[in-house]
Amino acid sequence: MNKSHDASSGIDDALIAEATAQLNQEIKVLDTWLAELAQASTSDDESMAAYQSYMDMRASRCEMLSSLLNQTKSTGENSE
């Protein structure tokens, strides 16, 4: 490998690590919000809409994280 490929790989690794950490943090925040809404004594339309929105956002983050991890695995296998 040449130096530019090594540097590019290092940047990619750093971006992947940062993206993974960011997605995990966002999922934790959404889990907290969902738990708070689930424990709230009100279940008006606005609360229900917020709950559904947060569930959708969480599912999206989980899909992105899964795709990122799958891409990382396949990239790692190809570089060996």
C-alpha atoms as a PDB file:
ATOM      1  CA  MET A   1       0.000   0.000   0.000  1.00  0.00           C
ATOM      2  CA  ASN A   2       1.099   3.538  -0.536  1.00  0.00           C
ATOM      3  CA  LYS A   3       1.099   6.358   1.993  1.00  0.00           C
ATOM      4  CA  SER A   4      -1.940   8.126   0.525  1.00  0.00           C
ATOM      5  CA  HIS A   5      -4.012   4.923   0.780  1.00  0.00           C
ATOM      6  CA  ASP A   6      -2.878   4.448   4.402  1.00  0.00           C
ATOM      7  CA  ALA A   7      -3.828   8.039   5.240  1.00  0.00           C
ATOM      8  CA  SER A   8      -7.172   7.653   3.495  1.00  0.00           C
ATOM      9  CA  SER A   9      -7.827   4.445   5.397  1.00  0.00           C
ATOM     10  CA  GLY A  10      -6.966   6.189   8.677  1.00  0.00           C
ATOM     11  CA  ILE A  11      -9.380   8.999   7.897  1.00  0.00           C
ATOM     12  CA  ASP A  12     -12.076   6.509   6.959  1.00  0.00           C
ATOM     13  CA  ASP A  13     -11.495   4.601  10.193  1.00  0.00           C
ATOM     14  CA  ALA A  14     -11.728   7.821  12.188  1.00  0.00           C
ATOM     15  CA  LEU A  15     -14.935   8.851  10.413  1.00  0.00           C
ATOM     16  CA  ILE A  16     -16.461   5.421  10.932  1.00  0.00           C
ATOM     17  CA  ALA A  17     -15.591   5.488  14.628  1.00  0.00           C
ATOM     18  CA  GLU A  18     -17.021   8.993  14.985  1.00  0.00           C
ATOM     19  CA  ALA A  19     -20.206   8.094  13.101  1.00  0.00           C
ATOM     20  CA  THR A  20     -20.661   4.938  15.173  1.00  0.00           C
ATOM     21  CA  ALA A  21     -20.257   6.862  18.422  1.00  0.00           C
ATOM     22  CA  GLN A  22     -22.655   9.569  17.217  1.00  0.00           C
ATOM     23  CA  LEU A  23     -25.331   7.066  16.214  1.00  0.00           C
ATOM     24  CA  ASN A  24     -24.998   5.177  19.503  1.00  0.00           C
ATOM     25  CA  GLN A  25     -25.348   8.446  21.429  1.00  0.00           C
ATOM     26  CA  GLU A  26     -28.424   9.477  19.441  1.00  0.00           C
ATOM     27  CA  ILE A  27     -30.019   6.072  20.069  1.00  0.00           C
ATOM     28  CA  LYS A  28     -29.411   6.469  23.822  1.00  0.00           C
ATOM     29  CA  VAL A  29     -31.009   9.928  23.798  1.00  0.00           C
ATOM     30  CA  LEU A  30     -34.015   8.641  21.871  1.00  0.00           C
ATOM     31  CA  ASP A  31     -34.346   5.718  24.303  1.00  0.00           C
ATOM     32  CA  THR A  32     -34.429   8.215  27.183  1.00  0.00           C
ATOM     33  CA  TRP A  33     -37.076  10.339  25.480  1.00  0.00           C
ATOM     34  CA  LEU A  34     -39.169   7.267  24.678  1.00  0.00           C
ATOM     35  CA  ALA A  35     -38.964   6.066  28.284  1.00  0.00           C
ATOM     36  CA  GLU A  36     -40.029   9.504  29.535  1.00  0.00           C
ATOM     37  CA  LEU A  37     -42.996   9.575  27.182  1.00  0.00           C
ATOM     38  CA  ALA A  38     -43.973   6.016  28.128  1.00  0.00           C
ATOM     39  CA  GLN A  39     -43.958   6.952  31.819  1.00  0.00           C
ATOM     40  CA  ALA A  40     -45.879  10.203  31.314  1.00  0.00           C
ATOM     41  CA  SER A  41     -49.402  10.206  32.655  1.00  0.00           C
ATOM     42  CA  THR A  42     -50.744  11.951  29.558  1.00  0.00           C
ATOM     43  CA  SER A  43     -51.418  10.180  26.300  1.00  0.00           C
ATOM     44  CA  ASP A  44     -52.817  12.987  24.195  1.00  0.00           C
ATOM     45  CA  ASP A  45     -52.441  13.147  20.425  1.00  0.00           C
ATOM     46  CA  GLU A  46     -49.324  15.306  20.655  1.00  0.00           C
ATOM     47  CA  SER A  47     -47.583  12.857  23.003  1.00  0.00           C
ATOM     48  CA  MET A  48     -48.553   9.906  20.848  1.00  0.00           C
ATOM     49  CA  ALA A  49     -47.260  11.672  17.730  1.00  0.00           C
ATOM     50  CA  ALA A  50     -43.985  12.488  19.491  1.00  0.00           C
ATOM     51  CA  TYR A  51     -43.638   8.873  20.628  1.00  0.00           C
ATOM     52  CA  GLN A  52     -44.173   7.585  17.091  1.00  0.00           C
ATOM     53  CA  SER A  53     -41.763  10.147  15.682  1.00  0.00           C
ATOM     54  CA  TYR A  54     -39.062   9.163  18.185  1.00  0.00           C
ATOM     55  CA  MET A  55     -39.644   5.476  17.423  1.00  0.00           C
ATOM     56  CA  ASP A  56     -39.203   6.180  13.709  1.00  0.00           C
ATOM     57  CA  MET A  57     -36.056   8.214  14.383  1.00  0.00           C
ATOM     58  CA  ARG A  58     -34.654   5.424  16.563  1.00  0.00           C
ATOM     59  CA  ALA A  59     -35.371   2.791  13.913  1.00  0.00           C
ATOM     60  CA  SER A  60     -33.646   4.961  11.320  1.00  0.00           C
ATOM     61  CA  ARG A  61     -30.552   5.389  13.521  1.00  0.00           C
ATOM     62  CA  CYS A  62     -30.437   1.637  14.183  1.00  0.00           C
ATOM     63  CA  GLU A  63     -30.621   0.915  10.446  1.00  0.00           C
ATOM     64  CA  MET A  64     -27.839   3.414   9.736  1.00  0.00           C
ATOM     65  CA  LEU A  65     -25.689   1.881  12.471  1.00  0.00           C
ATOM     66  CA  SER A  66     -26.292  -1.623  11.155  1.00  0.00           C
ATOM     67  CA  SER A  67     -25.425  -0.556   7.606  1.00  0.00           C
ATOM     68  CA  LEU A  68     -22.286   1.186   8.813  1.00  0.00           C
ATOM     69  CA  LEU A  69     -21.157  -1.869  10.765  1.00  0.00           C
ATOM     70  CA  ASN A  70     -21.895  -4.172   7.810  1.00  0.00           C
ATOM     71  CA  GLN A  71     -19.953  -1.882   5.491  1.00  0.00           C
ATOM     72  CA  THR A  72     -17.059  -1.840   7.937  1.00  0.00           C
ATOM     73  CA  LYS A  73     -17.015  -5.648   8.094  1.00  0.00           C
ATOM     74  CA  SER A  74     -17.105  -6.037   4.313  1.00  0.00           C
ATOM     75  CA  THR A  75     -14.412  -3.389   3.843  1.00  0.00           C
ATOM     76  CA  GLY A  76     -12.228  -5.122   6.420  1.00  0.00           C
ATOM     77  CA  GLU A  77     -12.641  -8.466   4.685  1.00  0.00           C
ATOM     78  CA  ASN A  78     -11.776  -6.956   1.296  1.00  0.00           C
ATOM     79  CA  SER A  79      -8.586  -5.318   2.568  1.00  0.00           C
ATOM     80  CA  GLU A  80      -7.125  -8.555   3.929  1.00  0.00           C
END
